[in-house]
Amino acid sequence: MLGKFFQERLTVERHYLELEEQFLQFSLGLGVRASELDALIWLEMMSSPATVHGILVSRQRSNVVF
């Protein structure tokens, strides 16, 4: 969701199969195997936890309504 490649309304808990289908179509559009793309995403997230955390915190702050 961080990359905004998927619709914001979708949640893993309620829309897993729809998200999985979108991910498969995305990887197909990129011309890479879904398993390789998934592994790369997780590798990047594990390698840069501070960056991922910063993005999540920033998104939470921008979604706060006063």
Protein backbone atom coordinates (compact mmCIF):
# COMPACT_ATOMS: atom_id res chain seq x y z
CA MET A 1 0.00 0.00 0.00
CA LEU A 2 2.88 2.37 0.61
CA GLY A 3 3.69 2.60 -3.07
CA LYS A 4 0.05 3.37 -3.87
CA PHE A 5 -0.07 0.63 -6.47
CA PHE A 6 -3.31 -0.69 -5.01
CA GLN A 7 -6.64 0.89 -4.18
CA GLU A 8 -6.61 2.53 -0.73
CA ARG A 9 -10.00 1.06 0.22
CA LEU A 10 -8.66 -2.50 0.11
CA THR A 11 -7.44 -4.17 3.30
CA VAL A 12 -5.56 -7.43 3.59
CA GLU A 13 -8.04 -8.69 6.16
CA ARG A 14 -11.08 -8.22 3.92
CA HIS A 15 -9.73 -8.16 0.37
CA TYR A 16 -6.77 -10.55 0.32
CA LEU A 17 -7.74 -12.33 -2.89
CA GLU A 18 -8.40 -9.08 -4.74
CA LEU A 19 -5.07 -7.65 -3.59
CA GLU A 20 -3.30 -10.85 -4.59
CA GLU A 21 -4.83 -10.67 -8.07
CA GLN A 22 -3.78 -7.03 -8.43
CA PHE A 23 -0.26 -7.95 -7.30
CA LEU A 24 -0.10 -10.76 -9.85
CA GLN A 25 -1.27 -8.41 -12.60
CA PHE A 26 1.24 -5.79 -11.48
CA SER A 27 4.13 -8.25 -11.62
CA LEU A 28 2.95 -9.47 -15.01
CA GLY A 29 2.88 -5.87 -16.26
CA LEU A 30 6.44 -5.41 -15.02
CA GLY A 31 7.50 -8.64 -16.71
CA VAL A 32 8.81 -10.26 -13.51
CA ARG A 33 7.77 -13.34 -11.59
CA ALA A 34 5.48 -12.52 -8.68
CA SER A 35 7.63 -14.59 -6.32
CA GLU A 36 10.75 -12.59 -7.26
CA LEU A 37 8.95 -9.26 -6.87
CA ASP A 38 7.59 -10.33 -3.48
CA ALA A 39 11.05 -11.41 -2.31
CA LEU A 40 12.56 -8.11 -3.49
CA ILE A 41 9.92 -6.06 -1.68
CA TRP A 42 10.49 -7.93 1.58
CA LEU A 43 14.27 -7.70 1.21
CA GLU A 44 14.05 -3.94 0.74
CA MET A 45 11.70 -3.55 3.71
CA MET A 46 13.99 -5.60 5.96
CA SER A 47 17.07 -3.74 4.75
CA SER A 48 15.56 -0.32 5.39
CA PRO A 49 13.34 -0.57 8.49
CA ALA A 50 13.91 3.07 9.45
CA THR A 51 12.78 4.24 6.00
CA VAL A 52 9.66 2.05 6.09
CA HIS A 53 8.86 3.22 9.61
CA GLY A 54 9.30 6.85 8.58
CA ILE A 55 6.93 6.42 5.65
CA LEU A 56 4.31 4.77 7.85
CA VAL A 57 4.53 7.50 10.49
CA SER A 58 4.31 10.21 7.83
CA ARG A 59 1.22 8.61 6.31
CA GLN A 60 -0.45 8.31 9.71
CA ARG A 61 0.19 11.99 10.43
CA SER A 62 -1.17 13.09 7.06
CA ASN A 63 -4.37 11.07 7.58
CA VAL A 64 -5.13 12.66 10.95
CA VAL A 65 -8.19 14.90 10.84
CA PHE A 66 -8.42 17.73 13.38
